[in-house]
PDB file of N, CA and C in Angstrom:
ATOM      1  N   MET A   1       0.827  -1.180   0.000  1.00  0.00           N
ATOM      2  CA  MET A   1       0.000   0.000   0.000  1.00  0.00           C
ATOM      3  C   MET A   1       0.880   1.256   0.000  1.00  0.00           C
ATOM      4  N   PHE A   2       1.957   1.212   0.797  1.00  0.00           N
ATOM      5  CA  PHE A   2       2.861   2.358   0.855  1.00  0.00           C
ATOM      6  C   PHE A   2       4.224   2.050   0.252  1.00  0.00           C
ATOM      7  N   LEU A   3       4.436   0.826  -0.188  1.00  0.00           N
ATOM      8  CA  LEU A   3       5.731   0.458  -0.759  1.00  0.00           C
ATOM      9  C   LEU A   3       5.968   1.217  -2.056  1.00  0.00           C
ATOM     10  N   PRO A   4       7.227   1.530  -2.360  1.00  0.00           N
ATOM     11  CA  PRO A   4       7.521   2.302  -3.580  1.00  0.00           C
ATOM     12  C   PRO A   4       7.504   1.449  -4.846  1.00  0.00           C
ATOM     13  N   ILE A   5       6.566   0.518  -4.913  1.00  0.00           N
ATOM     14  CA  ILE A   5       6.378  -0.320  -6.092  1.00  0.00           C
ATOM     15  C   ILE A   5       4.883  -0.383  -6.374  1.00  0.00           C
ATOM     16  N   GLU A   6       4.534  -0.638  -7.620  1.00  0.00           N
ATOM     17  CA  GLU A   6       3.115  -0.731  -7.961  1.00  0.00           C
ATOM     18  C   GLU A   6       2.652  -2.160  -7.769  1.00  0.00           C
ATOM     19  N   VAL A   7       1.617  -2.338  -6.960  1.00  0.00           N
ATOM     20  CA  VAL A   7       1.052  -3.643  -6.679  1.00  0.00           C
ATOM     21  C   VAL A   7      -0.415  -3.598  -7.071  1.00  0.00           C
ATOM     22  N   GLN A   8      -0.852  -4.563  -7.860  1.00  0.00           N
ATOM     23  CA  GLN A   8      -2.259  -4.613  -8.218  1.00  0.00           C
ATOM     24  C   GLN A   8      -3.046  -5.050  -6.990  1.00  0.00           C
ATOM     25  N   SER A   9      -3.995  -4.219  -6.559  1.00  0.00           N
ATOM     26  CA  SER A   9      -4.707  -4.478  -5.323  1.00  0.00           C
ATOM     27  C   SER A   9      -6.054  -3.780  -5.326  1.00  0.00           C
ATOM     28  N   VAL A  10      -7.014  -4.366  -4.602  1.00  0.00           N
ATOM     29  CA  VAL A  10      -8.297  -3.694  -4.402  1.00  0.00           C
ATOM     30  C   VAL A  10      -8.163  -2.626  -3.316  1.00  0.00           C
ATOM     31  N   ASN A  11      -7.061  -2.641  -2.576  1.00  0.00           N
ATOM     32  CA  ASN A  11      -6.807  -1.680  -1.493  1.00  0.00           C
ATOM     33  C   ASN A  11      -5.943  -0.534  -2.008  1.00  0.00           C
ATOM     34  N   ASN A  12      -6.103   0.636  -1.393  1.00  0.00           N
ATOM     35  CA  ASN A  12      -5.185   1.738  -1.672  1.00  0.00           C
ATOM     36  C   ASN A  12      -5.168   2.681  -0.481  1.00  0.00           C
ATOM     37  N   ALA A  13      -4.100   3.444  -0.361  1.00  0.00           N
ATOM     38  CA  ALA A  13      -3.912   4.337   0.788  1.00  0.00           C
ATOM     39  C   ALA A  13      -5.046   5.352   0.921  1.00  0.00           C
ATOM     40  N   GLY A  14      -5.673   5.726  -0.190  1.00  0.00           N
ATOM     41  CA  GLY A  14      -6.777   6.687  -0.136  1.00  0.00           C
ATOM     42  C   GLY A  14      -7.990   6.178   0.616  1.00  0.00           C
ATOM     43  N   GLN A  15      -8.054   4.883   0.884  1.00  0.00           N
ATOM     44  CA  GLN A  15      -9.166   4.321   1.652  1.00  0.00           C
ATOM     45  C   GLN A  15      -8.972   4.477   3.161  1.00  0.00           C
ATOM     46  N   LEU A  16      -7.796   4.914   3.561  1.00  0.00           N
ATOM     47  CA  LEU A  16      -7.515   5.135   4.974  1.00  0.00           C
ATOM     48  C   LEU A  16      -7.927   6.541   5.389  1.00  0.00           C
ATOM     49  N   LYS A  17      -8.210   6.724   6.672  1.00  0.00           N
ATOM     50  CA  LYS A  17      -8.510   8.057   7.187  1.00  0.00           C
ATOM     51  C   LYS A  17      -7.254   8.911   7.084  1.00  0.00           C
ATOM     52  N   ALA A  18      -7.450  10.195   6.799  1.00  0.00           N
ATOM     53  CA  ALA A  18      -6.317  11.115   6.701  1.00  0.00           C
ATOM     54  C   ALA A  18      -5.599  11.191   8.044  1.00  0.00           C
ATOM     55  N   GLY A  19      -4.298  11.353   7.970  1.00  0.00           N
ATOM     56  CA  GLY A  19      -3.514  11.506   9.188  1.00  0.00           C
ATOM     57  C   GLY A  19      -2.120  10.935   9.051  1.00  0.00           C
ATOM     58  N   GLU A  20      -1.412  10.947  10.153  1.00  0.00           N
ATOM     59  CA  GLU A  20      -0.053  10.420  10.207  1.00  0.00           C
ATOM     60  C   GLU A  20      -0.109   8.970  10.677  1.00  0.00           C
ATOM     61  N   TYR A  21       0.623   8.110   9.991  1.00  0.00           N
ATOM     62  CA  TYR A  21       0.660   6.691  10.311  1.00  0.00           C
ATOM     63  C   TYR A  21       2.080   6.293  10.694  1.00  0.00           C
ATOM     64  N   ALA A  22       2.219   5.770  11.911  1.00  0.00           N
ATOM     65  CA  ALA A  22       3.507   5.232  12.349  1.00  0.00           C
ATOM     66  C   ALA A  22       3.760   3.942  11.578  1.00  0.00           C
ATOM     67  N   VAL A  23       5.018   3.706  11.216  1.00  0.00           N
ATOM     68  CA  VAL A  23       5.374   2.526  10.436  1.00  0.00           C
ATOM     69  C   VAL A  23       6.325   1.658  11.251  1.00  0.00           C
ATOM     70  N   HIS A  24       6.011   0.384  11.312  1.00  0.00           N
ATOM     71  CA  HIS A  24       6.839  -0.588  12.018  1.00  0.00           C
ATOM     72  C   HIS A  24       7.095  -1.746  11.066  1.00  0.00           C
ATOM     73  N   CYS A  25       8.337  -2.183  10.968  1.00  0.00           N
ATOM     74  CA  CYS A  25       8.676  -3.310  10.108  1.00  0.00           C
ATOM     75  C   CYS A  25       9.201  -4.455  10.974  1.00  0.00           C
ATOM     76  N   ALA A  26       8.576  -5.611  10.840  1.00  0.00           N
ATOM     77  CA  ALA A  26       9.035  -6.826  11.519  1.00  0.00           C
ATOM     78  C   ALA A  26       9.526  -7.801  10.455  1.00  0.00           C
ATOM     79  N   VAL A  27      10.673  -8.423  10.714  1.00  0.00           N
ATOM     80  CA  VAL A  27      11.261  -9.384   9.780  1.00  0.00           C
ATOM     81  C   VAL A  27      11.176 -10.765  10.426  1.00  0.00           C
ATOM     82  N   TYR A  28      10.629 -11.703   9.669  1.00  0.00           N
ATOM     83  CA  TYR A  28      10.469 -13.079  10.138  1.00  0.00           C
ATOM     84  C   TYR A  28      11.228 -14.017   9.204  1.00  0.00           C
ATOM     85  N   ALA A  29      11.759 -15.097   9.760  1.00  0.00           N
ATOM     86  CA  ALA A  29      12.469 -16.099   8.958  1.00  0.00           C
ATOM     87  C   ALA A  29      11.822 -17.466   9.157  1.00  0.00           C
ATOM     88  N   SER A  30      11.849 -18.245   8.091  1.00  0.00           N
ATOM     89  CA  SER A  30      11.327 -19.606   8.163  1.00  0.00           C
ATOM     90  C   SER A  30      12.219 -20.439   9.084  1.00  0.00           C
ATOM     91  N   PRO A  31      11.702 -21.574   9.569  1.00  0.00           N
ATOM     92  CA  PRO A  31      12.527 -22.415  10.463  1.00  0.00           C
ATOM     93  C   PRO A  31      13.871 -22.810   9.854  1.00  0.00           C
ATOM     94  N   ASP A  32      13.924 -23.007   8.529  1.00  0.00           N
ATOM     95  CA  ASP A  32      15.190 -23.378   7.880  1.00  0.00           C
ATOM     96  C   ASP A  32      16.020 -22.157   7.475  1.00  0.00           C
ATOM     97  N   GLN A  33      15.528 -20.963   7.792  1.00  0.00           N
ATOM     98  CA  GLN A  33      16.209 -19.695   7.504  1.00  0.00           C
ATOM     99  C   GLN A  33      16.342 -19.400   6.012  1.00  0.00           C
ATOM    100  N   LYS A  34      15.614 -20.111   5.151  1.00  0.00           N
ATOM    101  CA  LYS A  34      15.723 -19.899   3.708  1.00  0.00           C
ATOM    102  C   LYS A  34      14.714 -18.903   3.168  1.00  0.00           C
ATOM    103  N   SER A  35      13.635 -18.694   3.869  1.00  0.00           N
ATOM    104  CA  SER A  35      12.595 -17.760   3.419  1.00  0.00           C
ATOM    105  C   SER A  35      12.410 -16.665   4.461  1.00  0.00           C
ATOM    106  N   THR A  36      12.040 -15.493   3.975  1.00  0.00           N
ATOM    107  CA  THR A  36      11.878 -14.322   4.837  1.00  0.00           C
ATOM    108  C   THR A  36      10.551 -13.640   4.548  1.00  0.00           C
ATOM    109  N   VAL A  37       9.974 -13.066   5.588  1.00  0.00           N
ATOM    110  CA  VAL A  37       8.776 -12.244   5.449  1.00  0.00           C
ATOM    111  C   VAL A  37       9.070 -10.892   6.084  1.00  0.00           C
ATOM    112  N   LEU A  38       8.796  -9.832   5.319  1.00  0.00           N
ATOM    113  CA  LEU A  38       8.875  -8.471   5.862  1.00  0.00           C
ATOM    114  C   LEU A  38       7.441  -7.992   6.031  1.00  0.00           C
ATOM    115  N   HIS A  39       7.080  -7.651   7.249  1.00  0.00           N
ATOM    116  CA  HIS A  39       5.718  -7.236   7.582  1.00  0.00           C
ATOM    117  C   HIS A  39       5.750  -5.765   8.004  1.00  0.00           C
ATOM    118  N   TYR A  40       5.234  -4.890   7.130  1.00  0.00           N
ATOM    119  CA  TYR A  40       5.166  -3.459   7.411  1.00  0.00           C
ATOM    120  C   TYR A  40       3.765  -3.165   7.950  1.00  0.00           C
ATOM    121  N   GLU A  41       3.704  -2.585   9.131  1.00  0.00           N
ATOM    122  CA  GLU A  41       2.433  -2.308   9.787  1.00  0.00           C
ATOM    123  C   GLU A  41       2.264  -0.797   9.933  1.00  0.00           C
ATOM    124  N   TYR A  42       1.058  -0.305   9.647  1.00  0.00           N
ATOM    125  CA  TYR A  42       0.778   1.128   9.671  1.00  0.00           C
ATOM    126  C   TYR A  42      -0.315   1.424  10.691  1.00  0.00           C
ATOM    127  N   LYS A  43       0.045   2.220  11.720  1.00  0.00           N
ATOM    128  CA  LYS A  43      -0.909   2.591  12.769  1.00  0.00           C
ATOM    129  C   LYS A  43      -1.120   4.092  12.739  1.00  0.00           C
ATOM    130  N   ARG A  44      -2.382   4.480  12.698  1.00  0.00           N
ATOM    131  CA  ARG A  44      -2.691   5.912  12.743  1.00  0.00           C
ATOM    132  C   ARG A  44      -2.355   6.438  14.128  1.00  0.00           C
ATOM    133  N   ALA A  45      -1.798   7.633  14.196  1.00  0.00           N
ATOM    134  CA  ALA A  45      -1.375   8.237  15.459  1.00  0.00           C
ATOM    135  C   ALA A  45      -2.494   8.170  16.488  1.00  0.00           C
ATOM    136  N   GLY A  46      -2.154   7.698  17.669  1.00  0.00           N
ATOM    137  CA  GLY A  46      -3.108   7.624  18.762  1.00  0.00           C
ATOM    138  C   GLY A  46      -3.906   6.331  18.838  1.00  0.00           C
ATOM    139  N   LEU A  47      -3.772   5.459  17.847  1.00  0.00           N
ATOM    140  CA  LEU A  47      -4.512   4.199  17.859  1.00  0.00           C
ATOM    141  C   LEU A  47      -3.585   3.039  18.205  1.00  0.00           C
ATOM    142  N   ALA A  48      -4.121   2.027  18.846  1.00  0.00           N
ATOM    143  CA  ALA A  48      -3.320   0.870  19.260  1.00  0.00           C
ATOM    144  C   ALA A  48      -3.194  -0.186  18.165  1.00  0.00           C
ATOM    145  N   ASP A  49      -4.198  -0.279  17.298  1.00  0.00           N
ATOM    146  CA  ASP A  49      -4.213  -1.337  16.288  1.00  0.00           C
ATOM    147  C   ASP A  49      -3.820  -0.815  14.913  1.00  0.00           C
ATOM    148  N   ALA A  50      -3.185  -1.677  14.144  1.00  0.00           N
ATOM    149  CA  ALA A  50      -2.803  -1.333  12.774  1.00  0.00           C
ATOM    150  C   ALA A  50      -4.046  -1.145  11.910  1.00  0.00           C
ATOM    151  N   GLU A  51      -3.952  -0.239  10.966  1.00  0.00           N
ATOM    152  CA  GLU A  51      -5.035   0.020  10.011  1.00  0.00           C
ATOM    153  C   GLU A  51      -4.711  -0.563   8.638  1.00  0.00           C
ATOM    154  N   ALA A  52      -3.435  -0.854   8.397  1.00  0.00           N
ATOM    155  CA  ALA A  52      -3.013  -1.400   7.107  1.00  0.00           C
ATOM    156  C   ALA A  52      -1.679  -2.115   7.280  1.00  0.00           C
ATOM    157  N   CYS A  53      -1.382  -3.006   6.344  1.00  0.00           N
ATOM    158  CA  CYS A  53      -0.115  -3.747   6.345  1.00  0.00           C
ATOM    159  C   CYS A  53       0.316  -4.008   4.907  1.00  0.00           C
ATOM    160  N   ASP A  54       1.610  -4.059   4.702  1.00  0.00           N
ATOM    161  CA  ASP A  54       2.216  -4.569   3.475  1.00  0.00           C
ATOM    162  C   ASP A  54       3.042  -5.772   3.899  1.00  0.00           C
ATOM    163  N   VAL A  55       2.966  -6.864   3.145  1.00  0.00           N
ATOM    164  CA  VAL A  55       3.732  -8.067   3.475  1.00  0.00           C
ATOM    165  C   VAL A  55       4.485  -8.520   2.237  1.00  0.00           C
ATOM    166  N   LEU A  56       5.809  -8.693   2.390  1.00  0.00           N
ATOM    167  CA  LEU A  56       6.661  -9.206   1.319  1.00  0.00           C
ATOM    168  C   LEU A  56       7.154 -10.588   1.724  1.00  0.00           C
ATOM    169  N   PHE A  57       6.969 -11.561   0.840  1.00  0.00           N
ATOM    170  CA  PHE A  57       7.445 -12.921   1.042  1.00  0.00           C
ATOM    171  C   PHE A  57       8.625 -13.124   0.100  1.00  0.00           C
ATOM    172  N   ILE A  58       9.768 -13.532   0.628  1.00  0.00           N
ATOM    173  CA  ILE A  58      10.947 -13.789  -0.186  1.00  0.00           C
ATOM    174  C   ILE A  58      11.348 -15.235   0.057  1.00  0.00           C
ATOM    175  N   ASP A  59      11.215 -16.081  -0.974  1.00  0.00           N
ATOM    176  CA  ASP A  59      11.518 -17.497  -0.783  1.00  0.00           C
ATOM    177  C   ASP A  59      13.005 -17.781  -0.985  1.00  0.00           C
ATOM    178  N   GLY A  60      13.400 -19.016  -0.753  1.00  0.00           N
ATOM    179  CA  GLY A  60      14.805 -19.408  -0.825  1.00  0.00           C
ATOM    180  C   GLY A  60      15.446 -19.208  -2.180  1.00  0.00           C
ATOM    181  N   ALA A  61      14.635 -19.190  -3.252  1.00  0.00           N
ATOM    182  CA  ALA A  61      15.156 -18.980  -4.605  1.00  0.00           C
ATOM    183  C   ALA A  61      15.209 -17.497  -4.967  1.00  0.00           C
ATOM    184  N   GLY A  62      14.742 -16.635  -4.057  1.00  0.00           N
ATOM    185  CA  GLY A  62      14.759 -15.204  -4.306  1.00  0.00           C
ATOM    186  C   GLY A  62      13.488 -14.654  -4.922  1.00  0.00           C
ATOM    187  N   ALA A  63      12.487 -15.505  -5.149  1.00  0.00           N
ATOM    188  CA  ALA A  63      11.206 -15.020  -5.683  1.00  0.00           C
ATOM    189  C   ALA A  63      10.504 -14.181  -4.619  1.00  0.00           C
ATOM    190  N   VAL A  64       9.873 -13.094  -5.062  1.00  0.00           N
ATOM    191  CA  VAL A  64       9.209 -12.172  -4.142  1.00  0.00           C
ATOM    192  C   VAL A  64       7.725 -12.105  -4.463  1.00  0.00           C
ATOM    193  N   ARG A  65       6.896 -12.222  -3.433  1.00  0.00           N
ATOM    194  CA  ARG A  65       5.451 -12.017  -3.548  1.00  0.00           C
ATOM    195  C   ARG A  65       5.082 -10.894  -2.603  1.00  0.00           C
ATOM    196  N   VAL A  66       4.158 -10.053  -3.033  1.00  0.00           N
ATOM    197  CA  VAL A  66       3.738  -8.909  -2.221  1.00  0.00           C
ATOM    198  C   VAL A  66       2.229  -8.921  -2.099  1.00  0.00           C
ATOM    199  N   CYS A  67       1.761  -8.604  -0.909  1.00  0.00           N
ATOM    200  CA  CYS A  67       0.321  -8.496  -0.681  1.00  0.00           C
ATOM    201  C   CYS A  67       0.119  -7.352   0.311  1.00  0.00           C
ATOM    202  N   ASP A  68      -0.989  -6.632   0.144  1.00  0.00           N
ATOM    203  CA  ASP A  68      -1.298  -5.605   1.135  1.00  0.00           C
ATOM    204  C   ASP A  68      -2.639  -5.922   1.780  1.00  0.00           C
ATOM    205  N   PHE A  69      -2.865  -5.323   2.930  1.00  0.00           N
ATOM    206  CA  PHE A  69      -4.047  -5.591   3.732  1.00  0.00           C
ATOM    207  C   PHE A  69      -4.554  -4.282   4.319  1.00  0.00           C
ATOM    208  N   ILE A  70      -5.867  -4.154   4.426  1.00  0.00           N
ATOM    209  CA  ILE A  70      -6.463  -2.963   5.018  1.00  0.00           C
ATOM    210  C   ILE A  70      -7.520  -3.402   6.018  1.00  0.00           C
ATOM    211  N   ARG A  71      -7.622  -2.665   7.116  1.00  0.00           N
ATOM    212  CA  ARG A  71      -8.626  -2.946   8.143  1.00  0.00           C
ATOM    213  C   ARG A  71      -9.939  -2.336   7.680  1.00  0.00           C
ATOM    214  N   MET A  72     -10.980  -3.138   7.668  1.00  0.00           N
ATOM    215  CA  MET A  72     -12.300  -2.698   7.228  1.00  0.00           C
ATOM    216  C   MET A  72     -13.081  -2.085   8.396  1.00  0.00           C
ATOM    217  N   PRO A  73     -14.158  -1.344   8.119  1.00  0.00           N
ATOM    218  CA  PRO A  73     -14.928  -0.727   9.205  1.00  0.00           C
ATOM    219  C   PRO A  73     -15.426  -1.711  10.267  1.00  0.00           C
ATOM    220  N   ASP A  74     -15.676  -2.965   9.876  1.00  0.00           N
ATOM    221  CA  ASP A  74     -16.129  -3.967  10.853  1.00  0.00           C
ATOM    222  C   ASP A  74     -14.954  -4.618  11.597  1.00  0.00           C
ATOM    223  N   ARG A  75     -13.735  -4.099  11.394  1.00  0.00           N
ATOM    224  CA  ARG A  75     -12.485  -4.526  12.023  1.00  0.00           C
ATOM    225  C   ARG A  75     -11.908  -5.802  11.415  1.00  0.00           C
ATOM    226  N   SER A  76     -12.512  -6.342  10.365  1.00  0.00           N
ATOM    227  CA  SER A  76     -11.926  -7.474   9.654  1.00  0.00           C
ATOM    228  C   SER A  76     -10.799  -6.949   8.768  1.00  0.00           C
ATOM    229  N   TRP A  77     -10.016  -7.864   8.208  1.00  0.00           N
ATOM    230  CA  TRP A  77      -8.950  -7.514   7.280  1.00  0.00           C
ATOM    231  C   TRP A  77      -9.363  -7.905   5.866  1.00  0.00           C
ATOM    232  N   ARG A  78      -8.947  -7.101   4.870  1.00  0.00           N
ATOM    233  CA  ARG A  78      -9.146  -7.431   3.465  1.00  0.00           C
ATOM    234  C   ARG A  78      -7.787  -7.454   2.791  1.00  0.00           C
ATOM    235  N   ASP A  79      -7.528  -8.511   2.006  1.00  0.00           N
ATOM    236  CA  ASP A  79      -6.239  -8.599   1.323  1.00  0.00           C
ATOM    237  C   ASP A  79      -6.314  -7.968  -0.063  1.00  0.00           C
ATOM    238  N   SER A  80      -5.200  -7.988  -0.770  1.00  0.00           N
ATOM    239  CA  SER A  80      -5.081  -7.372  -2.095  1.00  0.00           C
ATOM    240  C   SER A  80      -6.093  -7.883  -3.101  1.00  0.00           C
ATOM    241  N   PHE A  81      -6.550  -9.105  -2.891  1.00  0.00           N
ATOM    242  CA  PHE A  81      -7.459  -9.747  -3.836  1.00  0.00           C
ATOM    243  C   PHE A  81      -8.926  -9.598  -3.448  1.00  0.00           C
ATOM    244  N   GLY A  82      -9.191  -9.038  -2.266  1.00  0.00           N
ATOM    245  CA  GLY A  82     -10.564  -8.834  -1.809  1.00  0.00           C
ATOM    246  C   GLY A  82     -11.037  -9.854  -0.798  1.00  0.00           C
ATOM    247  N   ALA A  83     -10.222 -10.873  -0.490  1.00  0.00           N
ATOM    248  CA  ALA A  83     -10.603 -11.854   0.532  1.00  0.00           C
ATOM    249  C   ALA A  83     -10.612 -11.176   1.898  1.00  0.00           C
ATOM    250  N   ARG A  84     -11.550 -11.590   2.754  1.00  0.00           N
ATOM    251  CA  ARG A  84     -11.666 -10.991   4.084  1.00  0.00           C
ATOM    252  C   ARG A  84     -11.631 -12.056   5.167  1.00  0.00           C
ATOM    253  N   ALA A  85     -11.104 -11.671   6.327  1.00  0.00           N
ATOM    254  CA  ALA A  85     -11.067 -12.551   7.500  1.00  0.00           C
ATOM    255  C   ALA A  85     -10.945 -11.691   8.747  1.00  0.00           C
ATOM    256  N   ASP A  86     -11.357 -12.251   9.870  1.00  0.00           N
ATOM    257  CA  ASP A  86     -11.254 -11.527  11.139  1.00  0.00           C
ATOM    258  C   ASP A  86      -9.815 -11.404  11.619  1.00  0.00           C
ATOM    259  N   SER A  87      -8.963 -12.339  11.192  1.00  0.00           N
ATOM    260  CA  SER A  87      -7.568 -12.361  11.604  1.00  0.00           C
ATOM    261  C   SER A  87      -6.666 -12.188  10.387  1.00  0.00           C
ATOM    262  N   LEU A  88      -5.657 -11.365  10.524  1.00  0.00           N
ATOM    263  CA  LEU A  88      -4.680 -11.206   9.442  1.00  0.00           C
ATOM    264  C   LEU A  88      -3.991 -12.542   9.140  1.00  0.00           C
ATOM    265  N   LEU A  89      -3.667 -13.297  10.166  1.00  0.00           N
ATOM    266  CA  LEU A  89      -2.993 -14.586   9.984  1.00  0.00           C
ATOM    267  C   LEU A  89      -3.825 -15.533   9.120  1.00  0.00           C
ATOM    268  N   ALA A  90      -5.139 -15.430   9.193  1.00  0.00           N
ATOM    269  CA  ALA A  90      -6.014 -16.301   8.390  1.00  0.00           C
ATOM    270  C   ALA A  90      -5.878 -16.023   6.891  1.00  0.00           C
ATOM    271  N   LEU A  91      -5.402 -14.840   6.522  1.00  0.00           N
ATOM    272  CA  LEU A  91      -5.245 -14.474   5.112  1.00  0.00           C
ATOM    273  C   LEU A  91      -3.850 -14.770   4.573  1.00  0.00           C
ATOM    274  N   LEU A  92      -2.942 -15.172   5.445  1.00  0.00           N
ATOM    275  CA  LEU A  92      -1.563 -15.461   5.052  1.00  0.00           C
ATOM    276  C   LEU A  92      -1.380 -16.961   4.828  1.00  0.00           C
ATOM    277  N   PRO A  93      -0.342 -17.354   4.070  1.00  0.00           N
ATOM    278  CA  PRO A  93      -0.069 -18.787   3.899  1.00  0.00           C
ATOM    279  C   PRO A  93       0.134 -19.445   5.266  1.00  0.00           C
ATOM    280  N   PRO A  94      -0.382 -20.652   5.482  1.00  0.00           N
ATOM    281  CA  PRO A  94      -0.321 -21.297   6.796  1.00  0.00           C
ATOM    282  C   PRO A  94       1.093 -21.453   7.358  1.00  0.00           C
ATOM    283  N   GLU A  95       2.088 -21.645   6.487  1.00  0.00           N
ATOM    284  CA  GLU A  95       3.456 -21.849   6.989  1.00  0.00           C
ATOM    285  C   GLU A  95       4.014 -20.621   7.707  1.00  0.00           C
ATOM    286  N   ILE A  96       3.419 -19.464   7.477  1.00  0.00           N
ATOM    287  CA  ILE A  96       3.878 -18.229   8.140  1.00  0.00           C
ATOM    288  C   ILE A  96       3.797 -18.354   9.658  1.00  0.00           C
ATOM    289  N   ALA A  97       2.862 -19.138  10.147  1.00  0.00           N
ATOM    290  CA  ALA A  97       2.705 -19.317  11.596  1.00  0.00           C
ATOM    291  C   ALA A  97       3.960 -19.922  12.229  1.00  0.00           C
ATOM    292  N   GLU A  98       4.789 -20.595  11.427  1.00  0.00           N
ATOM    293  CA  GLU A  98       6.016 -21.230  11.931  1.00  0.00           C
ATOM    294  C   GLU A  98       7.229 -20.301  11.876  1.00  0.00           C
ATOM    295  N   TYR A  99       7.110 -19.166  11.214  1.00  0.00           N
ATOM    296  CA  TYR A  99       8.242 -18.241  11.083  1.00  0.00           C
ATOM    297  C   TYR A  99       8.539 -17.597  12.430  1.00  0.00           C
ATOM    298  N   ARG A 100       9.808 -17.216  12.612  1.00  0.00           N
ATOM    299  CA  ARG A 100      10.233 -16.584  13.866  1.00  0.00           C
ATOM    300  C   ARG A 100      10.697 -15.153  13.614  1.00  0.00           C
ATOM    301  N   LEU A 101      10.382 -14.288  14.555  1.00  0.00           N
ATOM    302  CA  LEU A 101      10.806 -12.891  14.489  1.00  0.00           C
ATOM    303  C   LEU A 101      12.323 -12.815  14.620  1.00  0.00           C
ATOM    304  N   VAL A 102      12.984 -12.128  13.661  1.00  0.00           N
ATOM    305  CA  VAL A 102      14.440 -11.995  13.714  1.00  0.00           C
ATOM    306  C   VAL A 102      14.895 -10.545  13.825  1.00  0.00           C
ATOM    307  N   ASP A 103      14.018  -9.594  13.486  1.00  0.00           N
ATOM    308  CA  ASP A 103      14.393  -8.172  13.586  1.00  0.00           C
ATOM    309  C   ASP A 103      13.119  -7.337  13.526  1.00  0.00           C
ATOM    310  N   GLU A 104      13.163  -6.176  14.117  1.00  0.00           N
ATOM    311  CA  GLU A 104      12.063  -5.226  13.992  1.00  0.00           C
ATOM    312  C   GLU A 104      12.587  -3.820  14.220  1.00  0.00           C
ATOM    313  N   ARG A 105      11.930  -2.875  13.554  1.00  0.00           N
ATOM    314  CA  ARG A 105      12.349  -1.486  13.711  1.00  0.00           C
ATOM    315  C   ARG A 105      11.247  -0.527  13.288  1.00  0.00           C
ATOM    316  N   ALA A 106      11.312   0.654  13.862  1.00  0.00           N
ATOM    317  CA  ALA A 106      10.396   1.734  13.486  1.00  0.00           C
ATOM    318  C   ALA A 106      10.981   2.436  12.267  1.00  0.00           C
ATOM    319  N   LEU A 107      10.111   2.861  11.373  1.00  0.00           N
ATOM    320  CA  LEU A 107      10.508   3.565  10.160  1.00  0.00           C
ATOM    321  C   LEU A 107       9.831   4.927  10.140  1.00  0.00           C
ATOM    322  N   PRO A 108      10.229   5.821   9.229  1.00  0.00           N
ATOM    323  CA  PRO A 108       9.590   7.137   9.169  1.00  0.00           C
ATOM    324  C   PRO A 108       8.081   7.022   8.914  1.00  0.00           C
ATOM    325  N   SER A 109       7.333   7.931   9.493  1.00  0.00           N
ATOM    326  CA  SER A 109       5.876   7.945   9.352  1.00  0.00           C
ATOM    327  C   SER A 109       5.453   8.190   7.915  1.00  0.00           C
ATOM    328  N   GLN A 110       4.228   7.776   7.613  1.00  0.00           N
ATOM    329  CA  GLN A 110       3.591   8.038   6.325  1.00  0.00           C
ATOM    330  C   GLN A 110       2.418   8.982   6.581  1.00  0.00           C
ATOM    331  N   ILE A 111       2.215   9.930   5.686  1.00  0.00           N
ATOM    332  CA  ILE A 111       1.080  10.859   5.782  1.00  0.00           C
ATOM    333  C   ILE A 111       0.067  10.480   4.718  1.00  0.00           C
ATOM    334  N   VAL A 112      -1.185  10.365   5.135  1.00  0.00           N
ATOM    335  CA  VAL A 112      -2.278  10.061   4.222  1.00  0.00           C
ATOM    336  C   VAL A 112      -3.194  11.280   4.166  1.00  0.00           C
ATOM    337  N   GLY A 113      -3.491  11.716   2.953  1.00  0.00           N
ATOM    338  CA  GLY A 113      -4.412  12.834   2.779  1.00  0.00           C
ATOM    339  C   GLY A 113      -3.922  14.110   3.439  1.00  0.00           C
ATOM    340  N   ASP A 114      -4.852  14.979   3.772  1.00  0.00           N
ATOM    341  CA  ASP A 114      -4.558  16.245   4.441  1.00  0.00           C
ATOM    342  C   ASP A 114      -4.869  16.069   5.924  1.00  0.00           C
ATOM    343  N   PRO A 115      -3.830  15.866   6.759  1.00  0.00           N
ATOM    344  CA  PRO A 115      -4.042  15.552   8.183  1.00  0.00           C
ATOM    345  C   PRO A 115      -4.430  16.768   9.028  1.00  0.00           C
ATOM    346  N   LYS A 116      -5.496  17.449   8.686  1.00  0.00           N
ATOM    347  CA  LYS A 116      -5.930  18.646   9.439  1.00  0.00           C
ATOM    348  C   LYS A 116      -6.449  18.268  10.792  1.00  0.00           C
TER     349      LYS A 116
END
């Protein structure tokens, strides 16, 4: 959603409420350390829960898949293809549940719309 690449998606940043969004990136590795997931989470200032996410999957051969997710008004998640679930994990490949956190960091904020 905020990555500097074009991703075909039913989601876009314009669907989010205007304001400043804190960005957090968590890096996960598969049990065999051959695959990596970068999970970018976007939280609007003052809120505890993420409103959007970008997820990059990098497999052992170097192939990259990208998907974005947006929080819907009913608090469910919608992925790039329009699938919805109450849990973000339910929309990800099942093997992701086995990945382990290896790094995390805060990144510069993103501004959506006119944050008056």
